[in-house]
Amino acid sequence: MLRHRIHAATVAVVMWPLETLNRAVYAAHRRRDRALHQELARQVARDATAAEDLQAVTEQILAAAYKAFYESSPHPTA
């Protein structure tokens, strides 16, 4: 019985620092993952803004091309 208690106490003394270290590592990983997620969200927002800007420029180019084509094509007179 005494050997069992000694063994349990030894395991507890050895495991406590390991569990503490494990919790610290887990917390660090969560902080890193949160930071990575925030950076990814910023990149997605930048990409979305760039896509909107590209779409606006494309629409302007298409409107100018359509206008130039329309103005240069002969119109039938009624």
N, C-alpha and C. Protein backbone atom coordinates (compact mmCIF):
# COMPACT_ATOMS: atom_id res chain seq x y z
N MET A 1 0.83 -1.18 0.00
CA MET A 1 0.00 0.00 0.00
C MET A 1 0.87 1.25 0.00
N LEU A 2 1.93 1.21 0.83
CA LEU A 2 2.84 2.35 0.89
C LEU A 2 3.57 2.53 -0.44
N ARG A 3 3.95 1.42 -1.07
CA ARG A 3 4.62 1.51 -2.38
C ARG A 3 3.70 2.15 -3.40
N HIS A 4 2.42 1.81 -3.33
CA HIS A 4 1.46 2.39 -4.27
C HIS A 4 1.36 3.91 -4.06
N ARG A 5 1.32 4.34 -2.82
CA ARG A 5 1.22 5.77 -2.54
C ARG A 5 2.49 6.50 -2.96
N ILE A 6 3.63 5.87 -2.72
CA ILE A 6 4.90 6.47 -3.13
C ILE A 6 4.95 6.59 -4.66
N HIS A 7 4.51 5.53 -5.31
CA HIS A 7 4.49 5.54 -6.77
C HIS A 7 3.55 6.63 -7.29
N ALA A 8 2.37 6.75 -6.73
CA ALA A 8 1.40 7.76 -7.15
C ALA A 8 1.96 9.17 -6.90
N ALA A 9 2.61 9.37 -5.77
CA ALA A 9 3.19 10.68 -5.47
C ALA A 9 4.32 10.99 -6.45
N THR A 10 5.13 10.02 -6.77
CA THR A 10 6.22 10.21 -7.72
C THR A 10 5.68 10.58 -9.09
N VAL A 11 4.68 9.86 -9.52
CA VAL A 11 4.06 10.15 -10.82
C VAL A 11 3.49 11.56 -10.82
N ALA A 12 2.82 11.94 -9.75
CA ALA A 12 2.24 13.28 -9.67
C ALA A 12 3.33 14.35 -9.73
N VAL A 13 4.43 14.15 -9.03
CA VAL A 13 5.52 15.13 -9.02
C VAL A 13 6.16 15.22 -10.40
N VAL A 14 6.29 14.11 -11.09
CA VAL A 14 6.90 14.11 -12.42
C VAL A 14 5.93 14.67 -13.45
N MET A 15 4.67 14.35 -13.34
CA MET A 15 3.69 14.75 -14.35
C MET A 15 3.31 16.22 -14.23
N TRP A 16 3.35 16.80 -13.05
CA TRP A 16 2.92 18.19 -12.90
C TRP A 16 3.69 19.15 -13.80
N PRO A 17 5.03 19.11 -13.83
CA PRO A 17 5.74 20.02 -14.73
C PRO A 17 5.44 19.73 -16.21
N LEU A 18 5.27 18.45 -16.53
CA LEU A 18 4.96 18.11 -17.92
C LEU A 18 3.59 18.65 -18.33
N GLU A 19 2.63 18.54 -17.44
CA GLU A 19 1.30 19.07 -17.74
C GLU A 19 1.33 20.60 -17.84
N THR A 20 2.11 21.22 -16.96
CA THR A 20 2.25 22.68 -17.02
C THR A 20 2.90 23.10 -18.33
N LEU A 21 3.95 22.40 -18.72
CA LEU A 21 4.61 22.68 -19.99
C LEU A 21 3.66 22.45 -21.15
N ASN A 22 2.89 21.40 -21.10
CA ASN A 22 1.94 21.10 -22.17
C ASN A 22 0.91 22.22 -22.29
N ARG A 23 0.40 22.71 -21.18
CA ARG A 23 -0.56 23.82 -21.22
C ARG A 23 0.07 25.08 -21.79
N ALA A 24 1.32 25.34 -21.44
CA ALA A 24 2.02 26.53 -21.96
C ALA A 24 2.23 26.41 -23.47
N VAL A 25 2.62 25.25 -23.92
CA VAL A 25 2.82 25.03 -25.36
C VAL A 25 1.49 25.16 -26.10
N TYR A 26 0.44 24.58 -25.53
CA TYR A 26 -0.88 24.67 -26.15
C TYR A 26 -1.33 26.13 -26.26
N ALA A 27 -1.12 26.91 -25.21
CA ALA A 27 -1.50 28.33 -25.22
C ALA A 27 -0.68 29.09 -26.27
N ALA A 28 0.60 28.78 -26.38
CA ALA A 28 1.43 29.45 -27.39
C ALA A 28 0.96 29.10 -28.79
N HIS A 29 0.60 27.86 -29.01
CA HIS A 29 0.09 27.47 -30.32
C HIS A 29 -1.23 28.17 -30.63
N ARG A 30 -2.08 28.31 -29.63
CA ARG A 30 -3.34 29.02 -29.85
C ARG A 30 -3.10 30.48 -30.19
N ARG A 31 -2.15 31.12 -29.50
CA ARG A 31 -1.83 32.52 -29.82
C ARG A 31 -1.29 32.63 -31.24
N ARG A 32 -0.40 31.69 -31.61
CA ARG A 32 0.16 31.70 -32.96
C ARG A 32 -0.93 31.48 -33.99
N ASP A 33 -1.81 30.52 -33.75
CA ASP A 33 -2.90 30.25 -34.68
C ASP A 33 -3.83 31.46 -34.82
N ARG A 34 -4.10 32.11 -33.71
CA ARG A 34 -4.96 33.31 -33.75
C ARG A 34 -4.29 34.40 -34.57
N ALA A 35 -2.98 34.59 -34.38
CA ALA A 35 -2.25 35.61 -35.15
C ALA A 35 -2.25 35.26 -36.63
N LEU A 36 -2.05 33.99 -36.95
CA LEU A 36 -2.08 33.57 -38.35
C LEU A 36 -3.46 33.77 -38.96
N HIS A 37 -4.49 33.48 -38.19
CA HIS A 37 -5.86 33.66 -38.67
C HIS A 37 -6.14 35.14 -38.93
N GLN A 38 -5.69 36.01 -38.04
CA GLN A 38 -5.89 37.45 -38.23
C GLN A 38 -5.14 37.94 -39.47
N GLU A 39 -3.92 37.46 -39.68
CA GLU A 39 -3.15 37.85 -40.87
C GLU A 39 -3.84 37.36 -42.13
N LEU A 40 -4.36 36.15 -42.10
CA LEU A 40 -5.08 35.62 -43.25
C LEU A 40 -6.32 36.45 -43.53
N ALA A 41 -7.03 36.86 -42.50
CA ALA A 41 -8.22 37.70 -42.69
C ALA A 41 -7.83 39.05 -43.31
N ARG A 42 -6.69 39.61 -42.89
CA ARG A 42 -6.24 40.86 -43.49
C ARG A 42 -5.89 40.66 -44.96
N GLN A 43 -5.24 39.55 -45.29
CA GLN A 43 -4.89 39.27 -46.69
C GLN A 43 -6.14 39.09 -47.54
N VAL A 44 -7.13 38.40 -47.01
CA VAL A 44 -8.38 38.20 -47.74
C VAL A 44 -9.06 39.55 -47.99
N ALA A 45 -9.05 40.42 -46.99
CA ALA A 45 -9.65 41.75 -47.16
C ALA A 45 -8.90 42.55 -48.22
N ARG A 46 -7.57 42.48 -48.20
CA ARG A 46 -6.78 43.19 -49.23
C ARG A 46 -7.08 42.62 -50.61
N ASP A 47 -7.16 41.29 -50.71
CA ASP A 47 -7.46 40.67 -52.00
C ASP A 47 -8.84 41.06 -52.50
N ALA A 48 -9.79 41.14 -51.60
CA ALA A 48 -11.16 41.53 -51.99
C ALA A 48 -11.16 42.96 -52.49
N THR A 49 -10.44 43.84 -51.81
CA THR A 49 -10.35 45.24 -52.25
C THR A 49 -9.67 45.32 -53.60
N ALA A 50 -8.61 44.56 -53.79
CA ALA A 50 -7.91 44.56 -55.08
C ALA A 50 -8.83 44.02 -56.18
N ALA A 51 -9.62 43.01 -55.89
CA ALA A 51 -10.55 42.47 -56.88
C ALA A 51 -11.62 43.50 -57.25
N GLU A 52 -12.11 44.23 -56.26
CA GLU A 52 -13.09 45.28 -56.54
C GLU A 52 -12.48 46.38 -57.40
N ASP A 53 -11.25 46.76 -57.08
CA ASP A 53 -10.56 47.79 -57.87
C ASP A 53 -10.36 47.30 -59.31
N LEU A 54 -9.95 46.06 -59.47
CA LEU A 54 -9.74 45.49 -60.79
C LEU A 54 -11.04 45.44 -61.58
N GLN A 55 -12.12 45.09 -60.90
CA GLN A 55 -13.42 45.04 -61.57
C GLN A 55 -13.82 46.44 -62.04
N ALA A 56 -13.61 47.46 -61.21
CA ALA A 56 -13.96 48.83 -61.60
C ALA A 56 -13.14 49.29 -62.80
N VAL A 57 -11.85 49.00 -62.79
CA VAL A 57 -10.99 49.38 -63.92
C VAL A 57 -11.41 48.63 -65.18
N THR A 58 -11.71 47.35 -65.05
CA THR A 58 -12.15 46.56 -66.20
C THR A 58 -13.44 47.13 -66.79
N GLU A 59 -14.37 47.51 -65.93
CA GLU A 59 -15.62 48.09 -66.41
C GLU A 59 -15.37 49.41 -67.14
N GLN A 60 -14.44 50.22 -66.63
CA GLN A 60 -14.10 51.48 -67.30
C GLN A 60 -13.48 51.21 -68.67
N ILE A 61 -12.59 50.23 -68.74
CA ILE A 61 -11.94 49.90 -70.02
C ILE A 61 -12.98 49.40 -71.02
N LEU A 62 -13.87 48.53 -70.57
CA LEU A 62 -14.90 48.01 -71.47
C LEU A 62 -15.84 49.12 -71.93
N ALA A 63 -16.20 50.04 -71.03
CA ALA A 63 -17.07 51.15 -71.41
C ALA A 63 -16.38 52.05 -72.43
N ALA A 64 -15.08 52.32 -72.23
CA ALA A 64 -14.34 53.15 -73.19
C ALA A 64 -14.21 52.44 -74.53
N ALA A 65 -13.95 51.14 -74.51
CA ALA A 65 -13.84 50.38 -75.76
C ALA A 65 -15.17 50.34 -76.49
N TYR A 66 -16.24 50.14 -75.77
CA TYR A 66 -17.57 50.12 -76.40
C TYR A 66 -17.89 51.48 -77.00
N LYS A 67 -17.58 52.55 -76.26
CA LYS A 67 -17.85 53.90 -76.75
C LYS A 67 -17.03 54.18 -78.01
N ALA A 68 -15.74 53.82 -78.00
CA ALA A 68 -14.89 54.04 -79.17
C ALA A 68 -15.40 53.24 -80.37
N PHE A 69 -15.78 51.99 -80.13
CA PHE A 69 -16.31 51.16 -81.22
C PHE A 69 -17.62 51.74 -81.74
N TYR A 70 -18.48 52.15 -80.86
CA TYR A 70 -19.77 52.70 -81.27
C TYR A 70 -19.61 53.98 -82.07
N GLU A 71 -18.69 54.85 -81.61
CA GLU A 71 -18.46 56.13 -82.30
C GLU A 71 -17.78 55.94 -83.64
N SER A 72 -16.97 54.89 -83.77
CA SER A 72 -16.24 54.70 -85.03
C SER A 72 -17.05 53.91 -86.06
N SER A 73 -18.09 53.24 -85.65
CA SER A 73 -18.87 52.45 -86.60
C SER A 73 -19.86 53.36 -87.33
N PRO A 74 -20.11 53.06 -88.62
CA PRO A 74 -21.03 53.87 -89.39
C PRO A 74 -22.46 53.66 -88.89
N HIS A 75 -23.22 54.75 -88.83
CA HIS A 75 -24.60 54.67 -88.38
C HIS A 75 -25.51 54.87 -89.58
N PRO A 76 -26.49 54.02 -89.72
CA PRO A 76 -27.43 54.24 -90.83
C PRO A 76 -28.27 55.49 -90.55
N THR A 77 -28.46 56.25 -91.57
CA THR A 77 -29.29 57.44 -91.42
C THR A 77 -30.74 57.08 -91.73
N ALA A 78 -31.62 57.55 -90.94
CA ALA A 78 -33.02 57.18 -91.11
C ALA A 78 -33.71 58.04 -92.10
